[in-house]
Amino acid sequence: MILQLLKNNHLPGIIFLVFLVALTWLRSFIALPEPGEVVSMPFYQLVFGAFEGNKVLPLISGIVVYTIIMLLIIRLNVLHFLLDDRSYMPAAFFLMIAASWPPALQINPILLSSPFLVLALLVLIRGDKHRAEPLALFNATLILALGSLFYLKIIWLIPFLWISASVIRPLKWRGIINPLLVLLLMGLFFVTYYWVIRENLSLLPELLEKQLAFSLREFPGFDTPVYLLLGYLFLLILIASVHLLGRFQFKKIMVRKLYQVLFILFIYCLLFYVFISGFRSEVLTLVAIPVAYLLSNFFQQKNTGWLHELMIWIWLILIIYVHFEELIFT
């Protein structure tokens, strides 16, 4: 039954997606989890600094941003047919993966920069002829640069755009130069802002050093419920990967290339999580994007049975356990 709701792209599917959103944020509205200390840009503080001390506005803002990301994820499938049928399943799975870490559900710099990554991917891969052109790479990098106004480390994903463009189509010299031009424009913007508006250019080197530095620190670990949920997600990823590899050669060439891009994004985000963010669990939002499509490809198949249904129910039960274990057993 639950799989049918996830596959449904009409009103019942929308209602179930709304139910998932309500279930995901219920615990946070009951007892707000402590947010992580993510390094943010001054522009983020200017816009969302007033939310500090308010328990409701960060959650509402988080719901809005997650909704935007889910709409963009659905749009990616509509344009490029990554799944055999149109479905809200990738959006639902993205939300279920992100729900593994309750503190990440409220507004934070990494979450706010995440829609820019998905939008950059949409712009990079042209929907009409599925091509990655130099100008598309410039526009995608520019969108990513806008996201860096909230979380500057997101620009470390620019090499991912280069790699993605080269997977889709051989990369020409203009495709390599154009992202560098965007970085030059960013530099001019920051110099102008700190020199002309702030009248203190000496603040810029300190800002860049603080915001772009690799955060190499000891792995902080998770609570037992989170370990259980992440372990189960790892098992689902393995099963879905084997399923995809067995049918990979039968998919269209462009679809195969897009799944390669998503796999690269998954590996890149894991490296980002370890070496750049310093094990910031909010990066799970970025990791959830490619994983959502991988799991959707597995559960979207027409011959799903009771075992697949059971897998989803176990996943939902573990999410509920992560969210309410502390409230119930303490």
C-alpha atoms as a PDB file:
ATOM      1  CA  MET A   1       0.000   0.000   0.000  1.00  0.00           C
ATOM      2  CA  ILE A   2       2.689   2.473   0.987  1.00  0.00           C
ATOM      3  CA  LEU A   3       4.627   1.776  -2.198  1.00  0.00           C
ATOM      4  CA  GLN A   4       1.547   2.558  -4.253  1.00  0.00           C
ATOM      5  CA  LEU A   5       1.271   5.916  -2.511  1.00  0.00           C
ATOM      6  CA  LEU A   6       4.934   6.641  -3.152  1.00  0.00           C
ATOM      7  CA  LYS A   7       4.556   5.774  -6.839  1.00  0.00           C
ATOM      8  CA  ASN A   8       1.369   7.808  -7.219  1.00  0.00           C
ATOM      9  CA  ASN A   9       1.901  11.118  -9.026  1.00  0.00           C
ATOM     10  CA  HIS A  10      -1.652  12.371  -8.499  1.00  0.00           C
ATOM     11  CA  LEU A  11      -3.513  13.750  -5.479  1.00  0.00           C
ATOM     12  CA  PRO A  12      -2.998  10.689  -3.211  1.00  0.00           C
ATOM     13  CA  GLY A  13       0.756  10.914  -3.798  1.00  0.00           C
ATOM     14  CA  ILE A  14       0.759  14.624  -2.934  1.00  0.00           C
ATOM     15  CA  ILE A  15      -1.259  13.990   0.235  1.00  0.00           C
ATOM     16  CA  PHE A  16       1.170  11.264   1.316  1.00  0.00           C
ATOM     17  CA  LEU A  17       4.121  13.579   0.659  1.00  0.00           C
ATOM     18  CA  VAL A  18       2.486  16.225   2.861  1.00  0.00           C
ATOM     19  CA  PHE A  19       1.994  13.537   5.532  1.00  0.00           C
ATOM     20  CA  LEU A  20       5.712  12.702   5.345  1.00  0.00           C
ATOM     21  CA  VAL A  21       6.587  16.369   5.813  1.00  0.00           C
ATOM     22  CA  ALA A  22       4.319  16.557   8.876  1.00  0.00           C
ATOM     23  CA  LEU A  23       5.809  13.348  10.321  1.00  0.00           C
ATOM     24  CA  THR A  24       9.368  14.535   9.674  1.00  0.00           C
ATOM     25  CA  TRP A  25       8.967  17.864  11.486  1.00  0.00           C
ATOM     26  CA  LEU A  26       6.611  16.715  14.259  1.00  0.00           C
ATOM     27  CA  ARG A  27       9.382  15.872  16.678  1.00  0.00           C
ATOM     28  CA  SER A  28      11.174  19.165  16.061  1.00  0.00           C
ATOM     29  CA  PHE A  29       8.050  21.187  16.850  1.00  0.00           C
ATOM     30  CA  ILE A  30       7.584  19.180  20.063  1.00  0.00           C
ATOM     31  CA  ALA A  31      11.202  19.479  21.200  1.00  0.00           C
ATOM     32  CA  LEU A  32      13.592  21.545  19.120  1.00  0.00           C
ATOM     33  CA  PRO A  33      16.932  19.724  18.604  1.00  0.00           C
ATOM     34  CA  GLU A  34      20.144  21.603  19.206  1.00  0.00           C
ATOM     35  CA  PRO A  35      21.472  23.034  15.909  1.00  0.00           C
ATOM     36  CA  GLY A  36      25.018  22.373  14.797  1.00  0.00           C
ATOM     37  CA  GLU A  37      27.562  25.168  14.617  1.00  0.00           C
ATOM     38  CA  VAL A  38      28.008  25.498  10.870  1.00  0.00           C
ATOM     39  CA  VAL A  39      30.323  28.231   9.613  1.00  0.00           C
ATOM     40  CA  SER A  40      28.141  30.704   7.719  1.00  0.00           C
ATOM     41  CA  MET A  41      28.669  33.735   5.544  1.00  0.00           C
ATOM     42  CA  PRO A  42      27.811  37.292   6.716  1.00  0.00           C
ATOM     43  CA  PHE A  43      24.904  37.382   4.247  1.00  0.00           C
ATOM     44  CA  TYR A  44      23.360  34.340   5.945  1.00  0.00           C
ATOM     45  CA  GLN A  45      23.691  36.052   9.316  1.00  0.00           C
ATOM     46  CA  LEU A  46      22.141  39.206   7.873  1.00  0.00           C
ATOM     47  CA  VAL A  47      19.076  37.344   6.596  1.00  0.00           C
ATOM     48  CA  PHE A  48      18.606  34.640   9.235  1.00  0.00           C
ATOM     49  CA  GLY A  49      20.483  36.010  12.232  1.00  0.00           C
ATOM     50  CA  ALA A  50      17.210  37.390  13.609  1.00  0.00           C
ATOM     51  CA  PHE A  51      15.927  33.790  13.890  1.00  0.00           C
ATOM     52  CA  GLU A  52      18.316  33.021  16.742  1.00  0.00           C
ATOM     53  CA  GLY A  53      16.334  32.364  19.892  1.00  0.00           C
ATOM     54  CA  ASN A  54      13.137  31.720  17.930  1.00  0.00           C
ATOM     55  CA  LYS A  55      12.042  28.066  17.949  1.00  0.00           C
ATOM     56  CA  VAL A  56       9.452  28.166  15.179  1.00  0.00           C
ATOM     57  CA  LEU A  57      10.861  30.321  12.376  1.00  0.00           C
ATOM     58  CA  PRO A  58      13.984  28.144  11.736  1.00  0.00           C
ATOM     59  CA  LEU A  59      11.730  25.099  11.361  1.00  0.00           C
ATOM     60  CA  ILE A  60       9.269  26.834   9.042  1.00  0.00           C
ATOM     61  CA  SER A  61      12.177  28.137   6.960  1.00  0.00           C
ATOM     62  CA  GLY A  62      13.592  24.606   6.847  1.00  0.00           C
ATOM     63  CA  ILE A  63      10.273  23.239   5.551  1.00  0.00           C
ATOM     64  CA  VAL A  64      10.210  25.904   2.822  1.00  0.00           C
ATOM     65  CA  VAL A  65      13.779  25.144   1.675  1.00  0.00           C
ATOM     66  CA  TYR A  66      13.206  21.378   1.727  1.00  0.00           C
ATOM     67  CA  THR A  67      10.040  21.862  -0.326  1.00  0.00           C
ATOM     68  CA  ILE A  68      11.998  23.840  -2.923  1.00  0.00           C
ATOM     69  CA  ILE A  69      14.648  21.107  -3.111  1.00  0.00           C
ATOM     70  CA  MET A  70      11.981  18.405  -3.502  1.00  0.00           C
ATOM     71  CA  LEU A  71      10.341  20.325  -6.345  1.00  0.00           C
ATOM     72  CA  LEU A  72      13.718  20.661  -8.096  1.00  0.00           C
ATOM     73  CA  ILE A  73      14.401  16.936  -7.634  1.00  0.00           C
ATOM     74  CA  ILE A  74      11.025  16.114  -9.208  1.00  0.00           C
ATOM     75  CA  ARG A  75      11.826  18.539 -12.032  1.00  0.00           C
ATOM     76  CA  LEU A  76      15.089  16.681 -12.726  1.00  0.00           C
ATOM     77  CA  ASN A  77      13.149  13.485 -13.388  1.00  0.00           C
ATOM     78  CA  VAL A  78      10.516  15.261 -15.486  1.00  0.00           C
ATOM     79  CA  LEU A  79      13.206  16.681 -17.781  1.00  0.00           C
ATOM     80  CA  HIS A  80      15.504  13.678 -18.070  1.00  0.00           C
ATOM     81  CA  PHE A  81      13.377  10.559 -17.400  1.00  0.00           C
ATOM     82  CA  LEU A  82      15.736   9.049 -14.827  1.00  0.00           C
ATOM     83  CA  LEU A  83      12.848   6.797 -13.785  1.00  0.00           C
ATOM     84  CA  ASP A  84      10.576   4.838 -16.090  1.00  0.00           C
ATOM     85  CA  ASP A  85       7.521   6.702 -14.793  1.00  0.00           C
ATOM     86  CA  ARG A  86       6.901  10.151 -13.412  1.00  0.00           C
ATOM     87  CA  SER A  87       6.745   9.933  -9.639  1.00  0.00           C
ATOM     88  CA  TYR A  88       7.127  11.916  -6.428  1.00  0.00           C
ATOM     89  CA  MET A  89       9.175   9.046  -5.030  1.00  0.00           C
ATOM     90  CA  PRO A  90      12.603  10.775  -5.363  1.00  0.00           C
ATOM     91  CA  ALA A  91      11.288  13.758  -3.381  1.00  0.00           C
ATOM     92  CA  ALA A  92       9.830  11.472  -0.701  1.00  0.00           C
ATOM     93  CA  PHE A  93      13.040   9.462  -0.398  1.00  0.00           C
ATOM     94  CA  PHE A  94      15.126  12.638  -0.273  1.00  0.00           C
ATOM     95  CA  LEU A  95      13.037  13.797   2.683  1.00  0.00           C
ATOM     96  CA  MET A  96      13.243  10.405   4.396  1.00  0.00           C
ATOM     97  CA  ILE A  97      17.039  10.346   4.071  1.00  0.00           C
ATOM     98  CA  ALA A  98      17.383  13.915   5.326  1.00  0.00           C
ATOM     99  CA  ALA A  99      15.156  12.989   8.303  1.00  0.00           C
ATOM    100  CA  SER A 100      17.973  10.755   9.549  1.00  0.00           C
ATOM    101  CA  TRP A 101      19.478  13.818  11.243  1.00  0.00           C
ATOM    102  CA  PRO A 102      16.775  15.945  13.008  1.00  0.00           C
ATOM    103  CA  PRO A 103      19.012  19.010  13.685  1.00  0.00           C
ATOM    104  CA  ALA A 104      19.494  19.389   9.909  1.00  0.00           C
ATOM    105  CA  LEU A 105      15.749  19.959   9.450  1.00  0.00           C
ATOM    106  CA  GLN A 106      15.943  23.546  10.675  1.00  0.00           C
ATOM    107  CA  ILE A 107      17.444  26.280   8.559  1.00  0.00           C
ATOM    108  CA  ASN A 108      21.248  26.221   8.321  1.00  0.00           C
ATOM    109  CA  PRO A 109      23.831  27.473   5.782  1.00  0.00           C
ATOM    110  CA  ILE A 110      24.388  24.061   4.161  1.00  0.00           C
ATOM    111  CA  LEU A 111      20.658  23.475   3.725  1.00  0.00           C
ATOM    112  CA  LEU A 112      20.199  26.935   2.246  1.00  0.00           C
ATOM    113  CA  SER A 113      22.946  26.347  -0.320  1.00  0.00           C
ATOM    114  CA  SER A 114      21.564  22.912  -1.335  1.00  0.00           C
ATOM    115  CA  PRO A 115      18.833  24.158  -3.754  1.00  0.00           C
ATOM    116  CA  PHE A 116      21.529  26.045  -5.661  1.00  0.00           C
ATOM    117  CA  LEU A 117      23.397  22.775  -6.228  1.00  0.00           C
ATOM    118  CA  VAL A 118      20.310  21.039  -7.660  1.00  0.00           C
ATOM    119  CA  LEU A 119      19.464  24.088  -9.764  1.00  0.00           C
ATOM    120  CA  ALA A 120      23.056  24.225 -11.033  1.00  0.00           C
ATOM    121  CA  LEU A 121      22.752  20.582 -12.083  1.00  0.00           C
ATOM    122  CA  LEU A 122      19.493  21.323 -13.903  1.00  0.00           C
ATOM    123  CA  VAL A 123      21.082  24.248 -15.738  1.00  0.00           C
ATOM    124  CA  LEU A 124      24.228  22.276 -16.565  1.00  0.00           C
ATOM    125  CA  ILE A 125      22.273  19.466 -18.221  1.00  0.00           C
ATOM    126  CA  ARG A 126      20.192  21.080 -20.919  1.00  0.00           C
ATOM    127  CA  GLY A 127      16.767  19.503 -21.084  1.00  0.00           C
ATOM    128  CA  ASP A 128      16.181  19.762 -24.839  1.00  0.00           C
ATOM    129  CA  LYS A 129      19.232  17.966 -26.261  1.00  0.00           C
ATOM    130  CA  HIS A 130      20.879  16.770 -23.051  1.00  0.00           C
ATOM    131  CA  ARG A 131      24.084  18.615 -23.608  1.00  0.00           C
ATOM    132  CA  ALA A 132      26.579  20.367 -21.349  1.00  0.00           C
ATOM    133  CA  GLU A 133      27.739  23.481 -23.168  1.00  0.00           C
ATOM    134  CA  PRO A 134      30.380  25.956 -21.989  1.00  0.00           C
ATOM    135  CA  LEU A 135      27.736  28.643 -21.394  1.00  0.00           C
ATOM    136  CA  ALA A 136      25.626  26.159 -19.411  1.00  0.00           C
ATOM    137  CA  LEU A 137      28.687  25.397 -17.287  1.00  0.00           C
ATOM    138  CA  PHE A 138      29.198  29.137 -16.731  1.00  0.00           C
ATOM    139  CA  ASN A 139      25.559  29.586 -15.679  1.00  0.00           C
ATOM    140  CA  ALA A 140      25.667  26.525 -13.406  1.00  0.00           C
ATOM    141  CA  THR A 141      28.809  27.819 -11.704  1.00  0.00           C
ATOM    142  CA  LEU A 142      27.205  31.241 -11.316  1.00  0.00           C
ATOM    143  CA  ILE A 143      24.214  29.643  -9.559  1.00  0.00           C
ATOM    144  CA  LEU A 144      26.553  27.725  -7.275  1.00  0.00           C
ATOM    145  CA  ALA A 145      28.344  31.000  -6.541  1.00  0.00           C
ATOM    146  CA  LEU A 146      25.039  32.523  -5.428  1.00  0.00           C
ATOM    147  CA  GLY A 147      24.626  29.635  -3.005  1.00  0.00           C
ATOM    148  CA  SER A 148      28.104  30.378  -1.651  1.00  0.00           C
ATOM    149  CA  LEU A 149      26.805  33.688  -0.305  1.00  0.00           C
ATOM    150  CA  PHE A 150      25.223  31.579   2.439  1.00  0.00           C
ATOM    151  CA  TYR A 151      27.852  28.819   2.720  1.00  0.00           C
ATOM    152  CA  LEU A 152      31.108  29.621   0.958  1.00  0.00           C
ATOM    153  CA  LYS A 153      32.451  26.056   1.040  1.00  0.00           C
ATOM    154  CA  ILE A 154      29.829  25.054  -1.536  1.00  0.00           C
ATOM    155  CA  ILE A 155      32.170  26.426  -4.221  1.00  0.00           C
ATOM    156  CA  TRP A 156      34.392  23.395  -3.558  1.00  0.00           C
ATOM    157  CA  LEU A 157      31.758  21.611  -5.652  1.00  0.00           C
ATOM    158  CA  ILE A 158      32.854  23.470  -8.800  1.00  0.00           C
ATOM    159  CA  PRO A 159      35.193  20.571  -9.778  1.00  0.00           C
ATOM    160  CA  PHE A 160      32.122  18.336  -9.610  1.00  0.00           C
ATOM    161  CA  LEU A 161      30.509  20.536 -12.292  1.00  0.00           C
ATOM    162  CA  TRP A 162      33.622  20.136 -14.456  1.00  0.00           C
ATOM    163  CA  ILE A 163      33.529  16.360 -14.035  1.00  0.00           C
ATOM    164  CA  SER A 164      29.786  16.207 -14.735  1.00  0.00           C
ATOM    165  CA  ALA A 165      30.129  18.258 -17.895  1.00  0.00           C
ATOM    166  CA  SER A 166      32.930  16.005 -19.146  1.00  0.00           C
ATOM    167  CA  VAL A 167      30.803  12.887 -18.490  1.00  0.00           C
ATOM    168  CA  ILE A 168      27.918  14.286 -20.525  1.00  0.00           C
ATOM    169  CA  ARG A 169      30.017  15.660 -23.352  1.00  0.00           C
ATOM    170  CA  PRO A 170      33.776  16.145 -24.009  1.00  0.00           C
ATOM    171  CA  LEU A 171      34.819  19.305 -22.200  1.00  0.00           C
ATOM    172  CA  LYS A 172      36.357  22.065 -24.318  1.00  0.00           C
ATOM    173  CA  TRP A 173      38.737  24.726 -23.119  1.00  0.00           C
ATOM    174  CA  ARG A 174      35.927  27.278 -22.735  1.00  0.00           C
ATOM    175  CA  GLY A 175      34.198  24.928 -20.327  1.00  0.00           C
ATOM    176  CA  ILE A 176      37.311  24.926 -18.143  1.00  0.00           C
ATOM    177  CA  ILE A 177      37.810  28.695 -18.294  1.00  0.00           C
ATOM    178  CA  ASN A 178      34.204  29.812 -17.678  1.00  0.00           C
ATOM    179  CA  PRO A 179      33.951  28.609 -14.034  1.00  0.00           C
ATOM    180  CA  LEU A 180      37.251  30.374 -13.362  1.00  0.00           C
ATOM    181  CA  LEU A 181      35.678  33.574 -14.691  1.00  0.00           C
ATOM    182  CA  VAL A 182      32.857  33.133 -12.190  1.00  0.00           C
ATOM    183  CA  LEU A 183      35.409  32.813  -9.391  1.00  0.00           C
ATOM    184  CA  LEU A 184      37.044  36.016 -10.648  1.00  0.00           C
ATOM    185  CA  LEU A 185      33.674  37.791 -10.572  1.00  0.00           C
ATOM    186  CA  MET A 186      33.133  36.536  -7.021  1.00  0.00           C
ATOM    187  CA  GLY A 187      36.521  37.881  -6.011  1.00  0.00           C
ATOM    188  CA  LEU A 188      35.741  41.294  -7.516  1.00  0.00           C
ATOM    189  CA  PHE A 189      32.396  41.345  -5.710  1.00  0.00           C
ATOM    190  CA  PHE A 190      33.974  40.592  -2.319  1.00  0.00           C
ATOM    191  CA  VAL A 191      36.784  43.114  -2.855  1.00  0.00           C
ATOM    192  CA  THR A 192      34.274  45.799  -3.833  1.00  0.00           C
ATOM    193  CA  TYR A 193      32.026  45.003  -0.864  1.00  0.00           C
ATOM    194  CA  TYR A 194      34.781  45.077   1.767  1.00  0.00           C
ATOM    195  CA  TRP A 195      36.748  47.927   0.199  1.00  0.00           C
ATOM    196  CA  VAL A 196      33.941  50.301  -0.829  1.00  0.00           C
ATOM    197  CA  ILE A 197      30.988  49.417   1.412  1.00  0.00           C
ATOM    198  CA  ARG A 198      32.650  48.071   4.565  1.00  0.00           C
ATOM    199  CA  GLU A 199      35.748  50.272   4.044  1.00  0.00           C
ATOM    200  CA  ASN A 200      37.939  47.572   5.553  1.00  0.00           C
ATOM    201  CA  LEU A 201      39.576  45.329   2.971  1.00  0.00           C
ATOM    202  CA  SER A 202      41.672  43.634   5.657  1.00  0.00           C
ATOM    203  CA  LEU A 203      38.567  41.694   6.741  1.00  0.00           C
ATOM    204  CA  LEU A 204      38.454  39.793   3.438  1.00  0.00           C
ATOM    205  CA  PRO A 205      41.537  37.524   3.884  1.00  0.00           C
ATOM    206  CA  GLU A 206      40.319  36.537   7.348  1.00  0.00           C
ATOM    207  CA  LEU A 207      36.861  35.751   5.974  1.00  0.00           C
ATOM    208  CA  LEU A 208      38.212  33.584   3.142  1.00  0.00           C
ATOM    209  CA  GLU A 209      40.592  31.712   5.434  1.00  0.00           C
ATOM    210  CA  LYS A 210      37.811  30.971   7.922  1.00  0.00           C
ATOM    211  CA  GLN A 211      35.150  30.077   5.358  1.00  0.00           C
ATOM    212  CA  LEU A 212      37.188  28.022   2.876  1.00  0.00           C
ATOM    213  CA  ALA A 213      39.558  26.137   5.175  1.00  0.00           C
ATOM    214  CA  PHE A 214      39.316  22.352   5.260  1.00  0.00           C
ATOM    215  CA  SER A 215      37.808  21.262   8.583  1.00  0.00           C
ATOM    216  CA  LEU A 216      39.837  18.204   9.530  1.00  0.00           C
ATOM    217  CA  ARG A 217      38.632  17.018  12.916  1.00  0.00           C
ATOM    218  CA  GLU A 218      37.882  13.827  14.769  1.00  0.00           C
ATOM    219  CA  PHE A 219      34.699  11.987  13.840  1.00  0.00           C
ATOM    220  CA  PRO A 220      32.147  12.947  16.547  1.00  0.00           C
ATOM    221  CA  GLY A 221      29.996   9.840  16.106  1.00  0.00           C
ATOM    222  CA  PHE A 222      26.211   9.431  16.313  1.00  0.00           C
ATOM    223  CA  ASP A 223      23.664   8.181  18.768  1.00  0.00           C
ATOM    224  CA  THR A 224      22.700   4.503  18.533  1.00  0.00           C
ATOM    225  CA  PRO A 225      19.330   5.132  16.769  1.00  0.00           C
ATOM    226  CA  VAL A 226      21.074   7.179  14.069  1.00  0.00           C
ATOM    227  CA  TYR A 227      23.683   4.437  13.582  1.00  0.00           C
ATOM    228  CA  LEU A 228      20.871   1.906  13.116  1.00  0.00           C
ATOM    229  CA  LEU A 229      19.109   4.090  10.556  1.00  0.00           C
ATOM    230  CA  LEU A 230      22.288   4.896   8.632  1.00  0.00           C
ATOM    231  CA  GLY A 231      23.266   1.222   8.668  1.00  0.00           C
ATOM    232  CA  TYR A 232      19.904   0.287   7.204  1.00  0.00           C
ATOM    233  CA  LEU A 233      20.251   3.026   4.566  1.00  0.00           C
ATOM    234  CA  PHE A 234      23.674   1.622   3.662  1.00  0.00           C
ATOM    235  CA  LEU A 235      22.067  -1.806   3.183  1.00  0.00           C
ATOM    236  CA  LEU A 236      19.365  -0.308   0.936  1.00  0.00           C
ATOM    237  CA  ILE A 237      22.039   1.520  -1.077  1.00  0.00           C
ATOM    238  CA  LEU A 238      23.923  -1.744  -1.642  1.00  0.00           C
ATOM    239  CA  ILE A 239      20.776  -3.583  -2.763  1.00  0.00           C
ATOM    240  CA  ALA A 240      19.680  -0.718  -5.029  1.00  0.00           C
ATOM    241  CA  SER A 241      23.187  -0.439  -6.531  1.00  0.00           C
ATOM    242  CA  VAL A 242      23.271  -4.143  -7.437  1.00  0.00           C
ATOM    243  CA  HIS A 243      19.805  -3.800  -8.984  1.00  0.00           C
ATOM    244  CA  LEU A 244      20.859  -0.760 -11.037  1.00  0.00           C
ATOM    245  CA  LEU A 245      24.086  -2.373 -12.258  1.00  0.00           C
ATOM    246  CA  GLY A 246      22.152  -5.414 -13.465  1.00  0.00           C
ATOM    247  CA  ARG A 247      19.941  -3.247 -15.669  1.00  0.00           C
ATOM    248  CA  PHE A 248      22.353  -0.429 -16.433  1.00  0.00           C
ATOM    249  CA  GLN A 249      23.192  -1.503 -19.998  1.00  0.00           C
ATOM    250  CA  PHE A 250      19.507  -1.542 -20.975  1.00  0.00           C
ATOM    251  CA  LYS A 251      18.967   2.144 -20.149  1.00  0.00           C
ATOM    252  CA  LYS A 252      19.335   4.960 -22.660  1.00  0.00           C
ATOM    253  CA  ILE A 253      22.826   6.371 -23.087  1.00  0.00           C
ATOM    254  CA  MET A 254      21.926   9.751 -21.600  1.00  0.00           C
ATOM    255  CA  VAL A 255      20.188   8.186 -18.616  1.00  0.00           C
ATOM    256  CA  ARG A 256      23.307   6.081 -17.966  1.00  0.00           C
ATOM    257  CA  LYS A 257      25.436   9.214 -18.061  1.00  0.00           C
ATOM    258  CA  LEU A 258      23.129  10.990 -15.612  1.00  0.00           C
ATOM    259  CA  TYR A 259      23.314   8.098 -13.162  1.00  0.00           C
ATOM    260  CA  GLN A 260      27.105   8.266 -13.477  1.00  0.00           C
ATOM    261  CA  VAL A 261      26.877  11.967 -12.588  1.00  0.00           C
ATOM    262  CA  LEU A 262      24.723  11.138  -9.566  1.00  0.00           C
ATOM    263  CA  PHE A 263      27.210   8.486  -8.463  1.00  0.00           C
ATOM    264  CA  ILE A 264      30.042  11.016  -8.740  1.00  0.00           C
ATOM    265  CA  LEU A 265      27.962  13.485  -6.718  1.00  0.00           C
ATOM    266  CA  PHE A 266      27.451  10.833  -4.023  1.00  0.00           C
ATOM    267  CA  ILE A 267      31.198  10.125  -3.728  1.00  0.00           C
ATOM    268  CA  TYR A 268      32.057  13.821  -3.940  1.00  0.00           C
ATOM    269  CA  CYS A 269      29.594  14.711  -1.155  1.00  0.00           C
ATOM    270  CA  LEU A 270      31.003  11.964   1.081  1.00  0.00           C
ATOM    271  CA  LEU A 271      34.497  13.412   0.583  1.00  0.00           C
ATOM    272  CA  PHE A 272      33.038  16.868   1.204  1.00  0.00           C
ATOM    273  CA  TYR A 273      31.509  15.565   4.441  1.00  0.00           C
ATOM    274  CA  VAL A 274      34.815  14.162   5.699  1.00  0.00           C
ATOM    275  CA  PHE A 275      37.477  16.591   4.528  1.00  0.00           C
ATOM    276  CA  ILE A 276      35.783  19.939   3.853  1.00  0.00           C
ATOM    277  CA  SER A 277      32.855  20.214   6.238  1.00  0.00           C
ATOM    278  CA  GLY A 278      34.595  18.393   9.083  1.00  0.00           C
ATOM    279  CA  PHE A 279      31.931  15.709   9.585  1.00  0.00           C
ATOM    280  CA  ARG A 280      29.069  18.204   9.609  1.00  0.00           C
ATOM    281  CA  SER A 281      25.984  15.990   9.484  1.00  0.00           C
ATOM    282  CA  GLU A 282      24.027  18.742   7.740  1.00  0.00           C
ATOM    283  CA  VAL A 283      25.894  17.642   4.581  1.00  0.00           C
ATOM    284  CA  LEU A 284      23.526  14.659   4.627  1.00  0.00           C
ATOM    285  CA  THR A 285      21.162  16.972   2.728  1.00  0.00           C
ATOM    286  CA  LEU A 286      23.586  16.973  -0.207  1.00  0.00           C
ATOM    287  CA  VAL A 287      24.251  13.227   0.007  1.00  0.00           C
ATOM    288  CA  ALA A 288      20.492  12.549  -0.008  1.00  0.00           C
ATOM    289  CA  ILE A 289      20.061  13.978  -3.539  1.00  0.00           C
ATOM    290  CA  PRO A 290      21.791  11.181  -5.527  1.00  0.00           C
ATOM    291  CA  VAL A 291      20.758   8.458  -3.049  1.00  0.00           C
ATOM    292  CA  ALA A 292      17.088   9.413  -3.461  1.00  0.00           C
ATOM    293  CA  TYR A 293      17.270   8.620  -7.184  1.00  0.00           C
ATOM    294  CA  LEU A 294      19.180   5.394  -6.644  1.00  0.00           C
ATOM    295  CA  LEU A 295      16.562   4.081  -4.212  1.00  0.00           C
ATOM    296  CA  SER A 296      13.710   5.351  -6.395  1.00  0.00           C
ATOM    297  CA  ASN A 297      15.081   3.390  -9.344  1.00  0.00           C
ATOM    298  CA  PHE A 298      14.938   0.245  -7.171  1.00  0.00           C
ATOM    299  CA  PHE A 299      11.507   0.747  -5.609  1.00  0.00           C
ATOM    300  CA  GLN A 300       9.895   2.169  -8.771  1.00  0.00           C
ATOM    301  CA  GLN A 301      10.062  -1.178 -10.581  1.00  0.00           C
ATOM    302  CA  LYS A 302       6.668  -2.608 -11.528  1.00  0.00           C
ATOM    303  CA  ASN A 303       7.123  -6.048  -9.941  1.00  0.00           C
ATOM    304  CA  THR A 304       7.557  -4.878  -6.359  1.00  0.00           C
ATOM    305  CA  GLY A 305       6.101  -7.221  -3.756  1.00  0.00           C
ATOM    306  CA  TRP A 306       5.630  -7.616  -0.024  1.00  0.00           C
ATOM    307  CA  LEU A 307       9.403  -7.621   0.613  1.00  0.00           C
ATOM    308  CA  HIS A 308       9.786  -4.148  -0.891  1.00  0.00           C
ATOM    309  CA  GLU A 309       6.812  -2.970   1.143  1.00  0.00           C
ATOM    310  CA  LEU A 310       8.445  -4.367   4.286  1.00  0.00           C
ATOM    311  CA  MET A 311      11.692  -2.531   3.468  1.00  0.00           C
ATOM    312  CA  ILE A 312       9.850   0.800   3.365  1.00  0.00           C
ATOM    313  CA  TRP A 313       7.999   0.082   6.623  1.00  0.00           C
ATOM    314  CA  ILE A 314      11.273  -0.775   8.392  1.00  0.00           C
ATOM    315  CA  TRP A 315      12.758   2.465   7.082  1.00  0.00           C
ATOM    316  CA  LEU A 316       9.818   4.525   8.370  1.00  0.00           C
ATOM    317  CA  ILE A 317       9.893   2.789  11.757  1.00  0.00           C
ATOM    318  CA  LEU A 318      13.602   3.548  12.110  1.00  0.00           C
ATOM    319  CA  ILE A 319      12.959   7.224  11.234  1.00  0.00           C
ATOM    320  CA  ILE A 320      10.285   7.384  13.934  1.00  0.00           C
ATOM    321  CA  TYR A 321      12.690   5.689  16.355  1.00  0.00           C
ATOM    322  CA  VAL A 322      15.406   8.271  15.645  1.00  0.00           C
ATOM    323  CA  HIS A 323      13.007  11.173  16.136  1.00  0.00           C
ATOM    324  CA  PHE A 324      11.138  10.025  19.248  1.00  0.00           C
ATOM    325  CA  GLU A 325      13.552   7.699  21.086  1.00  0.00           C
ATOM    326  CA  GLU A 326      14.880  10.525  23.249  1.00  0.00           C
ATOM    327  CA  LEU A 327      11.394  11.773  24.113  1.00  0.00           C
ATOM    328  CA  ILE A 328      10.000   8.320  24.934  1.00  0.00           C
ATOM    329  CA  PHE A 329      12.875   6.699  26.821  1.00  0.00           C
ATOM    330  CA  THR A 330      14.185   9.676  28.831  1.00  0.00           C
END
